Amino acid sequence: MSQDENLVLPMAKGTTAIAHPEFNHTVHVEVDGLDPDRVYYYRFRTGTWLGGTGRTRTAAVTAASFVTEAGSPGLKPV
């Protein structure tokens, strides 16, 4: 996972995941600490095969995403 398309500045690297046939040979990856409303790039590798670069965008922050606590000047994620 990287903020640049060429994956020069990686911000996260994954570990081994198995793509089982009963799940259509797919994997589910969760990444913490991503900024809202931002494009990120990723790529998968298996053995010597390296997939193409993919792109995803995180959801934007909306007013409904946050609530204020009584007496707290900041915002707290719901």
C-alpha atoms as a PDB file:
ATOM      1  CA  MET A   1       0.000   0.000   0.000  1.00  0.00           C
ATOM      2  CA  SER A   2       1.439   3.315  -1.038  1.00  0.00           C
ATOM      3  CA  GLN A   3       0.431   6.916  -1.595  1.00  0.00           C
ATOM      4  CA  ASP A   4       2.261   7.021  -4.936  1.00  0.00           C
ATOM      5  CA  GLU A   5       1.383   5.098  -8.092  1.00  0.00           C
ATOM      6  CA  ASN A   6       4.907   3.696  -8.510  1.00  0.00           C
ATOM      7  CA  LEU A   7       4.864   2.280  -4.956  1.00  0.00           C
ATOM      8  CA  VAL A   8       8.159   4.037  -4.214  1.00  0.00           C
ATOM      9  CA  LEU A   9       7.069   5.152  -0.729  1.00  0.00           C
ATOM     10  CA  PRO A  10       5.287   2.130   0.748  1.00  0.00           C
ATOM     11  CA  MET A  11       3.293   2.854   3.882  1.00  0.00           C
ATOM     12  CA  ALA A  12       2.219  -0.699   4.628  1.00  0.00           C
ATOM     13  CA  LYS A  13       3.267  -4.192   3.649  1.00  0.00           C
ATOM     14  CA  GLY A  14       1.165  -7.260   4.107  1.00  0.00           C
ATOM     15  CA  THR A  15       1.831 -10.765   5.197  1.00  0.00           C
ATOM     16  CA  THR A  16       0.941 -14.080   3.680  1.00  0.00           C
ATOM     17  CA  ALA A  17      -2.708 -14.604   2.797  1.00  0.00           C
ATOM     18  CA  ILE A  18      -4.180 -17.678   1.158  1.00  0.00           C
ATOM     19  CA  ALA A  19      -6.767 -17.232  -1.606  1.00  0.00           C
ATOM     20  CA  HIS A  20      -8.966 -20.309  -1.115  1.00  0.00           C
ATOM     21  CA  PRO A  21     -11.009 -21.659  -4.047  1.00  0.00           C
ATOM     22  CA  GLU A  22     -14.218 -21.678  -1.982  1.00  0.00           C
ATOM     23  CA  PHE A  23     -13.889 -17.875  -1.769  1.00  0.00           C
ATOM     24  CA  ASN A  24     -13.250 -17.521  -5.525  1.00  0.00           C
ATOM     25  CA  HIS A  25      -9.484 -17.249  -4.970  1.00  0.00           C
ATOM     26  CA  THR A  26      -9.826 -13.840  -3.342  1.00  0.00           C
ATOM     27  CA  VAL A  27      -8.272 -12.337  -0.231  1.00  0.00           C
ATOM     28  CA  HIS A  28      -9.607  -9.661   2.107  1.00  0.00           C
ATOM     29  CA  VAL A  29      -7.055  -7.134   3.322  1.00  0.00           C
ATOM     30  CA  GLU A  30      -7.642  -4.623   6.117  1.00  0.00           C
ATOM     31  CA  VAL A  31      -5.266  -1.678   6.526  1.00  0.00           C
ATOM     32  CA  ASP A  32      -5.360   0.635   9.534  1.00  0.00           C
ATOM     33  CA  GLY A  33      -4.338   4.283   9.688  1.00  0.00           C
ATOM     34  CA  LEU A  34      -5.455   5.448   6.248  1.00  0.00           C
ATOM     35  CA  ASP A  35      -6.441   9.076   5.743  1.00  0.00           C
ATOM     36  CA  PRO A  36     -10.006   9.847   4.616  1.00  0.00           C
ATOM     37  CA  ASP A  37     -10.773  10.899   1.039  1.00  0.00           C
ATOM     38  CA  ARG A  38      -7.373   9.861  -0.279  1.00  0.00           C
ATOM     39  CA  VAL A  39      -6.190   7.651  -3.150  1.00  0.00           C
ATOM     40  CA  TYR A  40      -3.930   4.706  -2.301  1.00  0.00           C
ATOM     41  CA  TYR A  41      -2.199   2.227  -4.579  1.00  0.00           C
ATOM     42  CA  TYR A  42      -1.556  -1.463  -4.018  1.00  0.00           C
ATOM     43  CA  ARG A  43      -0.148  -4.553  -5.690  1.00  0.00           C
ATOM     44  CA  PHE A  44      -0.245  -8.281  -4.972  1.00  0.00           C
ATOM     45  CA  ARG A  45       2.559 -10.790  -5.398  1.00  0.00           C
ATOM     46  CA  THR A  46       2.501 -14.569  -5.466  1.00  0.00           C
ATOM     47  CA  GLY A  47       5.700 -16.505  -6.007  1.00  0.00           C
ATOM     48  CA  THR A  48       7.524 -14.778  -8.848  1.00  0.00           C
ATOM     49  CA  TRP A  49       4.304 -13.300 -10.300  1.00  0.00           C
ATOM     50  CA  LEU A  50       3.702  -9.606  -9.584  1.00  0.00           C
ATOM     51  CA  GLY A  51       0.262  -8.204 -10.307  1.00  0.00           C
ATOM     52  CA  GLY A  52      -0.511  -4.825 -11.787  1.00  0.00           C
ATOM     53  CA  THR A  53      -0.912  -1.763  -9.623  1.00  0.00           C
ATOM     54  CA  GLY A  54      -4.420  -1.252  -8.279  1.00  0.00           C
ATOM     55  CA  ARG A  55      -5.994   1.911  -6.932  1.00  0.00           C
ATOM     56  CA  THR A  56      -8.524   2.536  -4.184  1.00  0.00           C
ATOM     57  CA  ARG A  57      -9.909   5.608  -2.470  1.00  0.00           C
ATOM     58  CA  THR A  58     -10.948   5.909   1.147  1.00  0.00           C
ATOM     59  CA  ALA A  59     -14.317   7.369   2.038  1.00  0.00           C
ATOM     60  CA  ALA A  60     -14.600  11.070   2.801  1.00  0.00           C
ATOM     61  CA  VAL A  61     -15.298  12.250   6.320  1.00  0.00           C
ATOM     62  CA  THR A  62     -18.876  13.425   6.732  1.00  0.00           C
ATOM     63  CA  ALA A  63     -20.615  15.206   9.590  1.00  0.00           C
ATOM     64  CA  ALA A  64     -22.422  11.944  10.326  1.00  0.00           C
ATOM     65  CA  SER A  65     -19.066  10.208  10.830  1.00  0.00           C
ATOM     66  CA  PHE A  66     -18.247  12.118  14.011  1.00  0.00           C
ATOM     67  CA  VAL A  67     -19.942  13.039  17.256  1.00  0.00           C
ATOM     68  CA  THR A  68     -18.796  15.453  19.921  1.00  0.00           C
ATOM     69  CA  GLU A  69     -18.639  14.405  23.541  1.00  0.00           C
ATOM     70  CA  ALA A  70     -20.072  16.761  26.140  1.00  0.00           C
ATOM     71  CA  GLY A  71     -17.285  18.973  27.443  1.00  0.00           C
ATOM     72  CA  SER A  72     -14.826  17.784  24.792  1.00  0.00           C
ATOM     73  CA  PRO A  73     -13.613  20.352  22.254  1.00  0.00           C
ATOM     74  CA  GLY A  74     -12.489  17.654  19.822  1.00  0.00           C
ATOM     75  CA  LEU A  75     -14.185  15.169  17.585  1.00  0.00           C
ATOM     76  CA  LYS A  76     -14.354  11.479  18.302  1.00  0.00           C
ATOM     77  CA  PRO A  77     -14.893   8.820  15.625  1.00  0.00           C
ATOM     78  CA  VAL A  78     -18.129   6.903  16.075  1.00  0.00           C
END
